């Protein structure tokens, strides 16, 4: 059964860079919302100490996340001004070989989880 691709990654924020990270993340959220109409969801979370950032993305297919990687490349190059080490990376759903190669470029020593088989589920939108 084909399903969405959910991509979650957590990174540490460099000491003293939490406010810079918040500024850049706000800009990235606005950019993604404006320029990536196929992305289903894009959410960013900070821990209470401001030392970790987790981003959760939900895409309809591999092409959507490949497009995200392409159009957000500029942001990725400046992200390491305020981000440090990758803590974990998780992706759920079937991804293309192209995407697997691209994601491998960003992997560091963090834990990587890939669960390719989508067994079922649903997504609600515009729920109040």
PDB file of N, CA and C in Angstrom:
ATOM      1  N   UNK A   1       0.844  -1.177   0.000  1.00  0.00           N
ATOM      2  CA  UNK A   1       0.000   0.000   0.000  1.00  0.00           C
ATOM      3  C   UNK A   1       0.890   1.241   0.000  1.00  0.00           C
ATOM      4  N   UNK A   2       0.704   2.083  -0.977  1.00  0.00           N
ATOM      5  CA  UNK A   2       1.460   3.345  -1.021  1.00  0.00           C
ATOM      6  C   UNK A   2       0.913   4.286   0.042  1.00  0.00           C
ATOM      7  N   UNK A   3       1.791   5.053   0.605  1.00  0.00           N
ATOM      8  CA  UNK A   3       1.367   5.989   1.638  1.00  0.00           C
ATOM      9  C   UNK A   3       2.292   7.178   1.669  1.00  0.00           C
ATOM     10  N   UNK A   4       2.109   8.026   2.636  1.00  0.00           N
ATOM     11  CA  UNK A   4       2.942   9.224   2.738  1.00  0.00           C
ATOM     12  C   UNK A   4       4.354   8.874   3.180  1.00  0.00           C
ATOM     13  N   UNK A   5       5.227   9.845   3.065  1.00  0.00           N
ATOM     14  CA  UNK A   5       6.572   9.730   3.627  1.00  0.00           C
ATOM     15  C   UNK A   5       6.643  10.710   4.787  1.00  0.00           C
ATOM     16  N   UNK A   6       7.013  10.208   5.935  1.00  0.00           N
ATOM     17  CA  UNK A   6       7.165  11.039   7.125  1.00  0.00           C
ATOM     18  C   UNK A   6       8.648  11.056   7.455  1.00  0.00           C
ATOM     19  N   UNK A   7       9.183  12.255   7.551  1.00  0.00           N
ATOM     20  CA  UNK A   7      10.617  12.430   7.806  1.00  0.00           C
ATOM     21  C   UNK A   7      10.779  13.263   9.067  1.00  0.00           C
ATOM     22  N   UNK A   8      11.519  12.726  10.028  1.00  0.00           N
ATOM     23  CA  UNK A   8      11.712  13.386  11.326  1.00  0.00           C
ATOM     24  C   UNK A   8      13.203  13.389  11.623  1.00  0.00           C
ATOM     25  N   UNK A   9      13.731  14.555  11.955  1.00  0.00           N
ATOM     26  CA  UNK A   9      15.119  14.560  12.387  1.00  0.00           C
ATOM     27  C   UNK A   9      15.302  15.520  13.551  1.00  0.00           C
ATOM     28  N   UNK A  10      16.228  15.165  14.411  1.00  0.00           N
ATOM     29  CA  UNK A  10      16.550  15.958  15.596  1.00  0.00           C
ATOM     30  C   UNK A  10      18.029  16.279  15.563  1.00  0.00           C
ATOM     31  N   UNK A  11      18.335  17.536  15.833  1.00  0.00           N
ATOM     32  CA  UNK A  11      19.720  17.989  15.890  1.00  0.00           C
ATOM     33  C   UNK A  11      19.921  18.822  17.138  1.00  0.00           C
ATOM     34  N   UNK A  12      21.160  18.886  17.586  1.00  0.00           N
ATOM     35  CA  UNK A  12      21.467  19.759  18.707  1.00  0.00           C
ATOM     36  C   UNK A  12      21.736  21.162  18.170  1.00  0.00           C
ATOM     37  N   UNK A  13      21.398  22.139  18.984  1.00  0.00           N
ATOM     38  CA  UNK A  13      21.639  23.537  18.664  1.00  0.00           C
ATOM     39  C   UNK A  13      22.931  23.947  19.364  1.00  0.00           C
ATOM     40  N   UNK A  14      23.776  24.675  18.674  1.00  0.00           N
ATOM     41  CA  UNK A  14      25.034  25.117  19.271  1.00  0.00           C
ATOM     42  C   UNK A  14      24.748  25.986  20.494  1.00  0.00           C
ATOM     43  N   UNK A  15      25.568  25.887  21.515  1.00  0.00           N
ATOM     44  CA  UNK A  15      25.376  26.712  22.714  1.00  0.00           C
ATOM     45  C   UNK A  15      25.303  28.206  22.353  1.00  0.00           C
ATOM     46  N   UNK A  16      24.292  28.880  22.915  1.00  0.00           N
ATOM     47  CA  UNK A  16      24.117  30.304  22.680  1.00  0.00           C
ATOM     48  C   UNK A  16      23.488  30.654  21.346  1.00  0.00           C
ATOM     49  N   UNK A  17      23.049  29.669  20.577  1.00  0.00           N
ATOM     50  CA  UNK A  17      22.511  29.923  19.234  1.00  0.00           C
ATOM     51  C   UNK A  17      21.007  29.660  19.130  1.00  0.00           C
ATOM     52  N   UNK A  18      20.320  29.487  20.256  1.00  0.00           N
ATOM     53  CA  UNK A  18      18.885  29.157  20.205  1.00  0.00           C
ATOM     54  C   UNK A  18      18.069  30.255  19.520  1.00  0.00           C
ATOM     55  N   UNK A  19      18.336  31.518  19.839  1.00  0.00           N
ATOM     56  CA  UNK A  19      17.566  32.603  19.217  1.00  0.00           C
ATOM     57  C   UNK A  19      17.848  32.695  17.726  1.00  0.00           C
ATOM     58  N   UNK A  20      19.099  32.497  17.333  1.00  0.00           N
ATOM     59  CA  UNK A  20      19.433  32.480  15.913  1.00  0.00           C
ATOM     60  C   UNK A  20      18.707  31.326  15.221  1.00  0.00           C
ATOM     61  N   UNK A  21      18.676  30.174  15.873  1.00  0.00           N
ATOM     62  CA  UNK A  21      17.969  29.015  15.323  1.00  0.00           C
ATOM     63  C   UNK A  21      16.483  29.326  15.157  1.00  0.00           C
ATOM     64  N   UNK A  22      15.865  29.931  16.164  1.00  0.00           N
ATOM     65  CA  UNK A  22      14.441  30.276  16.076  1.00  0.00           C
ATOM     66  C   UNK A  22      14.167  31.208  14.898  1.00  0.00           C
ATOM     67  N   UNK A  23      15.024  32.190  14.704  1.00  0.00           N
ATOM     68  CA  UNK A  23      14.865  33.140  13.599  1.00  0.00           C
ATOM     69  C   UNK A  23      14.932  32.410  12.263  1.00  0.00           C
ATOM     70  N   UNK A  24      15.950  31.589  12.088  1.00  0.00           N
ATOM     71  CA  UNK A  24      16.115  30.870  10.823  1.00  0.00           C
ATOM     72  C   UNK A  24      14.994  29.862  10.587  1.00  0.00           C
ATOM     73  N   UNK A  25      14.561  29.198  11.645  1.00  0.00           N
ATOM     74  CA  UNK A  25      13.477  28.223  11.502  1.00  0.00           C
ATOM     75  C   UNK A  25      12.181  28.928  11.095  1.00  0.00           C
ATOM     76  N   UNK A  26      11.900  30.091  11.691  1.00  0.00           N
ATOM     77  CA  UNK A  26      10.704  30.856  11.304  1.00  0.00           C
ATOM     78  C   UNK A  26      10.757  31.214   9.816  1.00  0.00           C
ATOM     79  N   UNK A  27      11.926  31.620   9.343  1.00  0.00           N
ATOM     80  CA  UNK A  27      12.090  31.944   7.920  1.00  0.00           C
ATOM     81  C   UNK A  27      11.893  30.699   7.059  1.00  0.00           C
ATOM     82  N   UNK A  28      12.418  29.562   7.521  1.00  0.00           N
ATOM     83  CA  UNK A  28      12.279  28.323   6.766  1.00  0.00           C
ATOM     84  C   UNK A  28      10.820  27.879   6.698  1.00  0.00           C
ATOM     85  N   UNK A  29      10.108  27.997   7.800  1.00  0.00           N
ATOM     86  CA  UNK A  29       8.691  27.616   7.807  1.00  0.00           C
ATOM     87  C   UNK A  29       7.928  28.453   6.786  1.00  0.00           C
ATOM     88  N   UNK A  30       8.153  29.752   6.791  1.00  0.00           N
ATOM     89  CA  UNK A  30       7.468  30.638   5.834  1.00  0.00           C
ATOM     90  C   UNK A  30       7.841  30.261   4.396  1.00  0.00           C
ATOM     91  N   UNK A  31       9.123  29.992   4.156  1.00  0.00           N
ATOM     92  CA  UNK A  31       9.572  29.612   2.822  1.00  0.00           C
ATOM     93  C   UNK A  31       8.893  28.324   2.357  1.00  0.00           C
ATOM     94  N   UNK A  32       8.883  27.318   3.219  1.00  0.00           N
ATOM     95  CA  UNK A  32       8.289  26.035   2.853  1.00  0.00           C
ATOM     96  C   UNK A  32       6.792  26.189   2.591  1.00  0.00           C
ATOM     97  N   UNK A  33       6.106  26.900   3.461  1.00  0.00           N
ATOM     98  CA  UNK A  33       4.660  27.079   3.277  1.00  0.00           C
ATOM     99  C   UNK A  33       4.352  27.781   1.961  1.00  0.00           C
ATOM    100  N   UNK A  34       5.171  28.738   1.577  1.00  0.00           N
ATOM    101  CA  UNK A  34       4.951  29.513   0.356  1.00  0.00           C
ATOM    102  C   UNK A  34       5.362  28.763  -0.906  1.00  0.00           C
ATOM    103  N   UNK A  35       6.444  28.002  -0.836  1.00  0.00           N
ATOM    104  CA  UNK A  35       7.051  27.441  -2.037  1.00  0.00           C
ATOM    105  C   UNK A  35       6.894  25.943  -2.244  1.00  0.00           C
ATOM    106  N   UNK A  36       6.295  25.262  -1.283  1.00  0.00           N
ATOM    107  CA  UNK A  36       6.175  23.811  -1.412  1.00  0.00           C
ATOM    108  C   UNK A  36       4.720  23.369  -1.178  1.00  0.00           C
ATOM    109  N   UNK A  37       3.869  23.615  -2.159  1.00  0.00           N
ATOM    110  CA  UNK A  37       2.438  23.341  -1.968  1.00  0.00           C
ATOM    111  C   UNK A  37       2.078  21.869  -1.795  1.00  0.00           C
ATOM    112  N   UNK A  38       2.958  20.954  -2.180  1.00  0.00           N
ATOM    113  CA  UNK A  38       2.635  19.530  -2.043  1.00  0.00           C
ATOM    114  C   UNK A  38       2.940  18.990  -0.652  1.00  0.00           C
ATOM    115  N   UNK A  39       3.769  19.713   0.125  1.00  0.00           N
ATOM    116  CA  UNK A  39       4.086  19.218   1.464  1.00  0.00           C
ATOM    117  C   UNK A  39       2.811  19.226   2.307  1.00  0.00           C
ATOM    118  N   UNK A  40       2.532  18.123   2.950  1.00  0.00           N
ATOM    119  CA  UNK A  40       1.311  17.998   3.748  1.00  0.00           C
ATOM    120  C   UNK A  40       1.472  18.681   5.093  1.00  0.00           C
ATOM    121  N   UNK A  41       2.631  18.515   5.730  1.00  0.00           N
ATOM    122  CA  UNK A  41       2.863  19.124   7.046  1.00  0.00           C
ATOM    123  C   UNK A  41       4.347  19.392   7.226  1.00  0.00           C
ATOM    124  N   UNK A  42       4.637  20.470   7.971  1.00  0.00           N
ATOM    125  CA  UNK A  42       6.017  20.851   8.296  1.00  0.00           C
ATOM    126  C   UNK A  42       5.958  21.490   9.672  1.00  0.00           C
ATOM    127  N   UNK A  43       6.516  20.821  10.671  1.00  0.00           N
ATOM    128  CA  UNK A  43       6.452  21.309  12.054  1.00  0.00           C
ATOM    129  C   UNK A  43       7.845  21.268  12.688  1.00  0.00           C
ATOM    130  N   UNK A  44       8.151  22.309  13.473  1.00  0.00           N
ATOM    131  CA  UNK A  44       9.439  22.408  14.154  1.00  0.00           C
ATOM    132  C   UNK A  44       9.198  22.495  15.655  1.00  0.00           C
ATOM    133  N   UNK A  45      10.012  21.778  16.410  1.00  0.00           N
ATOM    134  CA  UNK A  45       9.876  21.731  17.861  1.00  0.00           C
ATOM    135  C   UNK A  45      11.236  21.952  18.512  1.00  0.00           C
ATOM    136  N   UNK A  46      11.252  22.741  19.596  1.00  0.00           N
ATOM    137  CA  UNK A  46      12.451  22.938  20.406  1.00  0.00           C
ATOM    138  C   UNK A  46      12.214  22.299  21.772  1.00  0.00           C
ATOM    139  N   UNK A  47      13.276  21.789  22.384  1.00  0.00           N
ATOM    140  CA  UNK A  47      13.130  21.343  23.768  1.00  0.00           C
ATOM    141  C   UNK A  47      13.126  22.581  24.668  1.00  0.00           C
ATOM    142  N   UNK A  48      12.785  22.385  25.939  1.00  0.00           N
ATOM    143  CA  UNK A  48      12.653  23.512  26.868  1.00  0.00           C
ATOM    144  C   UNK A  48      13.956  24.268  27.073  1.00  0.00           C
ATOM    145  N   UNK A  49      15.077  23.591  26.976  1.00  0.00           N
ATOM    146  CA  UNK A  49      16.370  24.239  27.194  1.00  0.00           C
ATOM    147  C   UNK A  49      16.857  25.003  25.962  1.00  0.00           C
ATOM    148  N   UNK A  50      16.219  24.796  24.810  1.00  0.00           N
ATOM    149  CA  UNK A  50      16.687  25.415  23.578  1.00  0.00           C
ATOM    150  C   UNK A  50      17.968  24.793  23.070  1.00  0.00           C
ATOM    151  N   UNK A  51      18.163  23.503  23.385  1.00  0.00           N
ATOM    152  CA  UNK A  51      19.395  22.838  22.971  1.00  0.00           C
ATOM    153  C   UNK A  51      19.169  21.813  21.864  1.00  0.00           C
ATOM    154  N   UNK A  52      17.909  21.500  21.554  1.00  0.00           N
ATOM    155  CA  UNK A  52      17.598  20.539  20.498  1.00  0.00           C
ATOM    156  C   UNK A  52      16.448  21.049  19.646  1.00  0.00           C
ATOM    157  N   UNK A  53      16.503  20.682  18.380  1.00  0.00           N
ATOM    158  CA  UNK A  53      15.477  21.023  17.397  1.00  0.00           C
ATOM    159  C   UNK A  53      15.045  19.749  16.706  1.00  0.00           C
ATOM    160  N   UNK A  54      13.739  19.549  16.613  1.00  0.00           N
ATOM    161  CA  UNK A  54      13.203  18.443  15.831  1.00  0.00           C
ATOM    162  C   UNK A  54      12.298  19.021  14.760  1.00  0.00           C
ATOM    163  N   UNK A  55      12.460  18.534  13.536  1.00  0.00           N
ATOM    164  CA  UNK A  55      11.592  18.925  12.433  1.00  0.00           C
ATOM    165  C   UNK A  55      10.862  17.684  11.953  1.00  0.00           C
ATOM    166  N   UNK A  56       9.543  17.828  11.787  1.00  0.00           N
ATOM    167  CA  UNK A  56       8.683  16.745  11.314  1.00  0.00           C
ATOM    168  C   UNK A  56       8.082  17.189   9.977  1.00  0.00           C
ATOM    169  N   UNK A  57       8.277  16.363   8.974  1.00  0.00           N
ATOM    170  CA  UNK A  57       7.737  16.654   7.647  1.00  0.00           C
ATOM    171  C   UNK A  57       6.852  15.497   7.217  1.00  0.00           C
ATOM    172  N   UNK A  58       5.740  15.818   6.552  1.00  0.00           N
ATOM    173  CA  UNK A  58       4.886  14.792   5.967  1.00  0.00           C
ATOM    174  C   UNK A  58       4.719  15.146   4.486  1.00  0.00           C
ATOM    175  N   UNK A  59       5.097  14.200   3.651  1.00  0.00           N
ATOM    176  CA  UNK A  59       5.056  14.382   2.198  1.00  0.00           C
ATOM    177  C   UNK A  59       4.134  13.341   1.576  1.00  0.00           C
ATOM    178  N   UNK A  60       3.503  13.664   0.449  1.00  0.00           N
ATOM    179  CA  UNK A  60       2.636  12.671  -0.202  1.00  0.00           C
ATOM    180  C   UNK A  60       3.424  11.560  -0.894  1.00  0.00           C
ATOM    181  N   UNK A  61       4.696  11.848  -1.271  1.00  0.00           N
ATOM    182  CA  UNK A  61       5.500  10.865  -1.995  1.00  0.00           C
ATOM    183  C   UNK A  61       6.966  11.290  -1.987  1.00  0.00           C
ATOM    184  N   UNK A  62       7.803  10.441  -2.541  1.00  0.00           N
ATOM    185  CA  UNK A  62       9.239  10.691  -2.569  1.00  0.00           C
ATOM    186  C   UNK A  62       9.575  11.944  -3.386  1.00  0.00           C
ATOM    187  N   UNK A  63       8.842  12.193  -4.466  1.00  0.00           N
ATOM    188  CA  UNK A  63       9.109  13.372  -5.302  1.00  0.00           C
ATOM    189  C   UNK A  63       8.947  14.661  -4.501  1.00  0.00           C
ATOM    190  N   UNK A  64       8.004  14.692  -3.585  1.00  0.00           N
ATOM    191  CA  UNK A  64       7.777  15.887  -2.772  1.00  0.00           C
ATOM    192  C   UNK A  64       8.957  16.184  -1.864  1.00  0.00           C
ATOM    193  N   UNK A  65       9.495  15.171  -1.204  1.00  0.00           N
ATOM    194  CA  UNK A  65      10.627  15.416  -0.320  1.00  0.00           C
ATOM    195  C   UNK A  65      11.898  15.694  -1.132  1.00  0.00           C
ATOM    196  N   UNK A  66      12.029  15.088  -2.319  1.00  0.00           N
ATOM    197  CA  UNK A  66      13.152  15.417  -3.189  1.00  0.00           C
ATOM    198  C   UNK A  66      13.088  16.886  -3.593  1.00  0.00           C
ATOM    199  N   UNK A  67      11.899  17.372  -3.920  1.00  0.00           N
ATOM    200  CA  UNK A  67      11.721  18.787  -4.260  1.00  0.00           C
ATOM    201  C   UNK A  67      12.093  19.658  -3.063  1.00  0.00           C
ATOM    202  N   UNK A  68      11.666  19.250  -1.871  1.00  0.00           N
ATOM    203  CA  UNK A  68      12.009  20.002  -0.659  1.00  0.00           C
ATOM    204  C   UNK A  68      13.527  20.101  -0.500  1.00  0.00           C
ATOM    205  N   UNK A  69      14.225  19.014  -0.672  1.00  0.00           N
ATOM    206  CA  UNK A  69      15.680  19.020  -0.531  1.00  0.00           C
ATOM    207  C   UNK A  69      16.309  19.960  -1.560  1.00  0.00           C
ATOM    208  N   UNK A  70      15.757  19.981  -2.755  1.00  0.00           N
ATOM    209  CA  UNK A  70      16.298  20.825  -3.818  1.00  0.00           C
ATOM    210  C   UNK A  70      16.066  22.315  -3.543  1.00  0.00           C
ATOM    211  N   UNK A  71      14.843  22.697  -3.227  1.00  0.00           N
ATOM    212  CA  UNK A  71      14.547  24.133  -3.063  1.00  0.00           C
ATOM    213  C   UNK A  71      15.029  24.681  -1.725  1.00  0.00           C
ATOM    214  N   UNK A  72      15.268  23.819  -0.762  1.00  0.00           N
ATOM    215  CA  UNK A  72      15.732  24.277   0.548  1.00  0.00           C
ATOM    216  C   UNK A  72      17.247  24.159   0.706  1.00  0.00           C
ATOM    217  N   UNK A  73      17.947  23.837  -0.357  1.00  0.00           N
ATOM    218  CA  UNK A  73      19.404  23.631  -0.273  1.00  0.00           C
ATOM    219  C   UNK A  73      20.119  24.840   0.315  1.00  0.00           C
ATOM    220  N   UNK A  74      19.689  26.046  -0.035  1.00  0.00           N
ATOM    221  CA  UNK A  74      20.338  27.249   0.493  1.00  0.00           C
ATOM    222  C   UNK A  74      20.224  27.277   2.017  1.00  0.00           C
ATOM    223  N   UNK A  75      19.050  26.943   2.549  1.00  0.00           N
ATOM    224  CA  UNK A  75      18.856  26.934   3.996  1.00  0.00           C
ATOM    225  C   UNK A  75      19.750  25.896   4.661  1.00  0.00           C
ATOM    226  N   UNK A  76      19.879  24.737   4.030  1.00  0.00           N
ATOM    227  CA  UNK A  76      20.692  23.676   4.617  1.00  0.00           C
ATOM    228  C   UNK A  76      22.142  24.121   4.792  1.00  0.00           C
ATOM    229  N   UNK A  77      22.660  24.907   3.846  1.00  0.00           N
ATOM    230  CA  UNK A  77      24.061  25.313   3.936  1.00  0.00           C
ATOM    231  C   UNK A  77      24.305  26.286   5.077  1.00  0.00           C
ATOM    232  N   UNK A  78      23.308  27.080   5.447  1.00  0.00           N
ATOM    233  CA  UNK A  78      23.486  28.019   6.560  1.00  0.00           C
ATOM    234  C   UNK A  78      23.024  27.442   7.891  1.00  0.00           C
ATOM    235  N   UNK A  79      22.326  26.324   7.867  1.00  0.00           N
ATOM    236  CA  UNK A  79      21.794  25.736   9.100  1.00  0.00           C
ATOM    237  C   UNK A  79      22.899  25.358  10.078  1.00  0.00           C
ATOM    238  N   UNK A  80      24.066  25.031   9.567  1.00  0.00           N
ATOM    239  CA  UNK A  80      25.139  24.608  10.455  1.00  0.00           C
ATOM    240  C   UNK A  80      25.833  25.779  11.138  1.00  0.00           C
ATOM    241  N   UNK A  81      25.356  26.998  10.871  1.00  0.00           N
ATOM    242  CA  UNK A  81      25.802  28.151  11.650  1.00  0.00           C
ATOM    243  C   UNK A  81      25.255  28.057  13.078  1.00  0.00           C
ATOM    244  N   UNK A  82      24.101  27.404  13.245  1.00  0.00           N
ATOM    245  CA  UNK A  82      23.467  27.306  14.563  1.00  0.00           C
ATOM    246  C   UNK A  82      23.168  25.868  14.991  1.00  0.00           C
ATOM    247  N   UNK A  83      23.265  24.917  14.088  1.00  0.00           N
ATOM    248  CA  UNK A  83      23.031  23.512  14.438  1.00  0.00           C
ATOM    249  C   UNK A  83      24.354  22.779  14.532  1.00  0.00           C
ATOM    250  N   UNK A  84      24.350  21.752  15.387  1.00  0.00           N
ATOM    251  CA  UNK A  84      25.575  20.997  15.614  1.00  0.00           C
ATOM    252  C   UNK A  84      25.409  19.572  15.120  1.00  0.00           C
ATOM    253  N   UNK A  85      25.265  18.650  16.012  1.00  0.00           N
ATOM    254  CA  UNK A  85      25.246  17.227  15.673  1.00  0.00           C
ATOM    255  C   UNK A  85      23.832  16.707  15.472  1.00  0.00           C
ATOM    256  N   UNK A  86      23.725  15.766  14.577  1.00  0.00           N
ATOM    257  CA  UNK A  86      22.462  15.068  14.374  1.00  0.00           C
ATOM    258  C   UNK A  86      22.288  14.063  15.494  1.00  0.00           C
ATOM    259  N   UNK A  87      21.144  14.108  16.143  1.00  0.00           N
ATOM    260  CA  UNK A  87      20.841  13.169  17.216  1.00  0.00           C
ATOM    261  C   UNK A  87      20.159  11.935  16.634  1.00  0.00           C
ATOM    262  N   UNK A  88      19.167  12.180  15.781  1.00  0.00           N
ATOM    263  CA  UNK A  88      18.462  11.060  15.164  1.00  0.00           C
ATOM    264  C   UNK A  88      17.794  11.500  13.875  1.00  0.00           C
ATOM    265  N   UNK A  89      17.546  10.511  13.030  1.00  0.00           N
ATOM    266  CA  UNK A  89      16.858  10.726  11.768  1.00  0.00           C
ATOM    267  C   UNK A  89      15.936   9.530  11.566  1.00  0.00           C
ATOM    268  N   UNK A  90      14.697   9.825  11.225  1.00  0.00           N
ATOM    269  CA  UNK A  90      13.724   8.759  11.014  1.00  0.00           C
ATOM    270  C   UNK A  90      12.953   9.061   9.740  1.00  0.00           C
ATOM    271  N   UNK A  91      12.810   8.061   8.909  1.00  0.00           N
ATOM    272  CA  UNK A  91      11.915   8.243   7.777  1.00  0.00           C
ATOM    273  C   UNK A  91      11.071   6.998   7.606  1.00  0.00           C
ATOM    274  N   UNK A  92       9.818   7.281   7.332  1.00  0.00           N
ATOM    275  CA  UNK A  92       8.790   6.254   7.257  1.00  0.00           C
ATOM    276  C   UNK A  92       8.151   6.335   5.880  1.00  0.00           C
ATOM    277  N   UNK A  93       8.086   5.213   5.201  1.00  0.00           N
ATOM    278  CA  UNK A  93       7.507   5.165   3.866  1.00  0.00           C
ATOM    279  C   UNK A  93       8.571   4.799   2.849  1.00  0.00           C
ATOM    280  N   UNK A  94       8.113   4.448   1.677  1.00  0.00           N
ATOM    281  CA  UNK A  94       8.986   4.013   0.603  1.00  0.00           C
ATOM    282  C   UNK A  94       9.599   5.223  -0.089  1.00  0.00           C
ATOM    283  N   UNK A  95      10.932   5.256  -0.149  1.00  0.00           N
ATOM    284  CA  UNK A  95      11.615   6.381  -0.771  1.00  0.00           C
ATOM    285  C   UNK A  95      12.403   5.903  -1.990  1.00  0.00           C
ATOM    286  N   UNK A  96      12.650   6.824  -2.904  1.00  0.00           N
ATOM    287  CA  UNK A  96      13.391   6.491  -4.115  1.00  0.00           C
ATOM    288  C   UNK A  96      14.878   6.321  -3.801  1.00  0.00           C
ATOM    289  N   UNK A  97      15.598   5.684  -4.726  1.00  0.00           N
ATOM    290  CA  UNK A  97      17.047   5.542  -4.568  1.00  0.00           C
ATOM    291  C   UNK A  97      17.720   6.906  -4.574  1.00  0.00           C
ATOM    292  N   UNK A  98      17.189   7.838  -5.374  1.00  0.00           N
ATOM    293  CA  UNK A  98      17.724   9.198  -5.426  1.00  0.00           C
ATOM    294  C   UNK A  98      17.620   9.863  -4.062  1.00  0.00           C
ATOM    295  N   UNK A  99      16.466   9.737  -3.442  1.00  0.00           N
ATOM    296  CA  UNK A  99      16.267  10.333  -2.121  1.00  0.00           C
ATOM    297  C   UNK A  99      17.141   9.646  -1.073  1.00  0.00           C
ATOM    298  N   UNK A 100      17.240   8.337  -1.128  1.00  0.00           N
ATOM    299  CA  UNK A 100      18.089   7.611  -0.171  1.00  0.00           C
ATOM    300  C   UNK A 100      19.531   8.102  -0.269  1.00  0.00           C
ATOM    301  N   UNK A 101      20.023   8.323  -1.476  1.00  0.00           N
ATOM    302  CA  UNK A 101      21.384   8.833  -1.663  1.00  0.00           C
ATOM    303  C   UNK A 101      21.532  10.239  -1.104  1.00  0.00           C
ATOM    304  N   UNK A 102      20.536  11.082  -1.329  1.00  0.00           N
ATOM    305  CA  UNK A 102      20.584  12.457  -0.830  1.00  0.00           C
ATOM    306  C   UNK A 102      20.554  12.476   0.695  1.00  0.00           C
ATOM    307  N   UNK A 103      19.681  11.696   1.310  1.00  0.00           N
ATOM    308  CA  UNK A 103      19.605  11.650   2.769  1.00  0.00           C
ATOM    309  C   UNK A 103      20.908  11.118   3.371  1.00  0.00           C
ATOM    310  N   UNK A 104      21.529  10.174   2.701  1.00  0.00           N
ATOM    311  CA  UNK A 104      22.784   9.607   3.206  1.00  0.00           C
ATOM    312  C   UNK A 104      23.882  10.666   3.295  1.00  0.00           C
ATOM    313  N   UNK A 105      23.833  11.676   2.441  1.00  0.00           N
ATOM    314  CA  UNK A 105      24.827  12.758   2.472  1.00  0.00           C
ATOM    315  C   UNK A 105      24.761  13.544   3.781  1.00  0.00           C
ATOM    316  N   UNK A 106      23.570  13.597   4.385  1.00  0.00           N
ATOM    317  CA  UNK A 106      23.361  14.411   5.577  1.00  0.00           C
ATOM    318  C   UNK A 106      23.505  13.613   6.863  1.00  0.00           C
ATOM    319  N   UNK A 107      23.572  12.292   6.757  1.00  0.00           N
ATOM    320  CA  UNK A 107      23.659  11.465   7.959  1.00  0.00           C
ATOM    321  C   UNK A 107      24.990  11.679   8.664  1.00  0.00           C
ATOM    322  N   UNK A 108      24.932  11.730   9.965  1.00  0.00           N
ATOM    323  CA  UNK A 108      26.146  11.822  10.768  1.00  0.00           C
ATOM    324  C   UNK A 108      26.181  10.614  11.683  1.00  0.00           C
ATOM    325  N   UNK A 109      26.577  10.795  12.910  1.00  0.00           N
ATOM    326  CA  UNK A 109      26.658   9.669  13.836  1.00  0.00           C
ATOM    327  C   UNK A 109      25.359   9.402  14.575  1.00  0.00           C
ATOM    328  N   UNK A 110      24.318  10.140  14.261  1.00  0.00           N
ATOM    329  CA  UNK A 110      23.048   9.937  14.941  1.00  0.00           C
ATOM    330  C   UNK A 110      22.384   8.632  14.525  1.00  0.00           C
ATOM    331  N   UNK A 111      21.414   8.229  15.301  1.00  0.00           N
ATOM    332  CA  UNK A 111      20.663   7.012  15.001  1.00  0.00           C
ATOM    333  C   UNK A 111      19.759   7.242  13.793  1.00  0.00           C
ATOM    334  N   UNK A 112      19.726   6.292  12.875  1.00  0.00           N
ATOM    335  CA  UNK A 112      18.887   6.392  11.682  1.00  0.00           C
ATOM    336  C   UNK A 112      17.897   5.237  11.693  1.00  0.00           C
ATOM    337  N   UNK A 113      16.623   5.572  11.524  1.00  0.00           N
ATOM    338  CA  UNK A 113      15.562   4.570  11.451  1.00  0.00           C
ATOM    339  C   UNK A 113      14.844   4.727  10.122  1.00  0.00           C
ATOM    340  N   UNK A 114      14.670   3.631   9.398  1.00  0.00           N
ATOM    341  CA  UNK A 114      13.883   3.663   8.163  1.00  0.00           C
ATOM    342  C   UNK A 114      12.881   2.525   8.214  1.00  0.00           C
ATOM    343  N   UNK A 115      11.617   2.896   8.118  1.00  0.00           N
ATOM    344  CA  UNK A 115      10.524   1.927   8.121  1.00  0.00           C
ATOM    345  C   UNK A 115       9.801   2.085   6.781  1.00  0.00           C
ATOM    346  N   UNK A 116      10.147   1.301   5.759  1.00  0.00           N
ATOM    347  CA  UNK A 116       9.646   1.544   4.410  1.00  0.00           C
ATOM    348  C   UNK A 116       8.233   1.055   4.111  1.00  0.00           C
ATOM    349  N   UNK A 117       7.706   0.154   4.898  1.00  0.00           N
ATOM    350  CA  UNK A 117       6.416  -0.457   4.556  1.00  0.00           C
ATOM    351  C   UNK A 117       5.263   0.218   5.294  1.00  0.00           C
ATOM    352  N   UNK A 118       4.436   0.908   4.554  1.00  0.00           N
ATOM    353  CA  UNK A 118       3.259   1.570   5.116  1.00  0.00           C
ATOM    354  C   UNK A 118       2.113   0.577   5.115  1.00  0.00           C
ATOM    355  N   UNK A 119       1.653   0.225   6.287  1.00  0.00           N
ATOM    356  CA  UNK A 119       0.612  -0.793   6.418  1.00  0.00           C
ATOM    357  C   UNK A 119      -0.798  -0.222   6.429  1.00  0.00           C
ATOM    358  N   UNK A 120      -0.911   1.081   6.581  1.00  0.00           N
ATOM    359  CA  UNK A 120      -2.235   1.687   6.559  1.00  0.00           C
ATOM    360  C   UNK A 120      -2.290   2.893   7.469  1.00  0.00           C
ATOM    361  N   UNK A 121      -3.370   3.589   7.400  1.00  0.00           N
ATOM    362  CA  UNK A 121      -3.555   4.779   8.213  1.00  0.00           C
ATOM    363  C   UNK A 121      -4.352   5.818   7.452  1.00  0.00           C
ATOM    364  N   UNK A 122      -4.454   7.004   8.026  1.00  0.00           N
ATOM    365  CA  UNK A 122      -5.182   8.081   7.361  1.00  0.00           C
ATOM    366  C   UNK A 122      -4.642   9.416   7.829  1.00  0.00           C
ATOM    367  N   UNK A 123      -4.932  10.437   7.072  1.00  0.00           N
ATOM    368  CA  UNK A 123      -4.547  11.804   7.404  1.00  0.00           C
ATOM    369  C   UNK A 123      -5.801  12.660   7.353  1.00  0.00           C
ATOM    370  N   UNK A 124      -6.038  13.390   8.400  1.00  0.00           N
ATOM    371  CA  UNK A 124      -7.143  14.348   8.426  1.00  0.00           C
ATOM    372  C   UNK A 124      -6.584  15.744   8.196  1.00  0.00           C
ATOM    373  N   UNK A 125      -7.292  16.531   7.442  1.00  0.00           N
ATOM    374  CA  UNK A 125      -6.905  17.928   7.262  1.00  0.00           C
ATOM    375  C   UNK A 125      -8.082  18.806   7.641  1.00  0.00           C
ATOM    376  N   UNK A 126      -7.770  20.023   8.026  1.00  0.00           N
ATOM    377  CA  UNK A 126      -8.790  20.999   8.389  1.00  0.00           C
ATOM    378  C   UNK A 126      -9.702  20.520   9.525  1.00  0.00           C
ATOM    379  N   UNK A 127      -9.131  19.772  10.454  1.00  0.00           N
ATOM    380  CA  UNK A 127      -9.880  19.311  11.635  1.00  0.00           C
ATOM    381  C   UNK A 127      -9.862  20.435  12.675  1.00  0.00           C
ATOM    382  N   UNK A 128     -10.976  20.661  13.284  1.00  0.00           N
ATOM    383  CA  UNK A 128     -11.048  21.713  14.316  1.00  0.00           C
ATOM    384  C   UNK A 128     -11.298  21.110  15.660  1.00  0.00           C
TER     385      UNK A 128
END
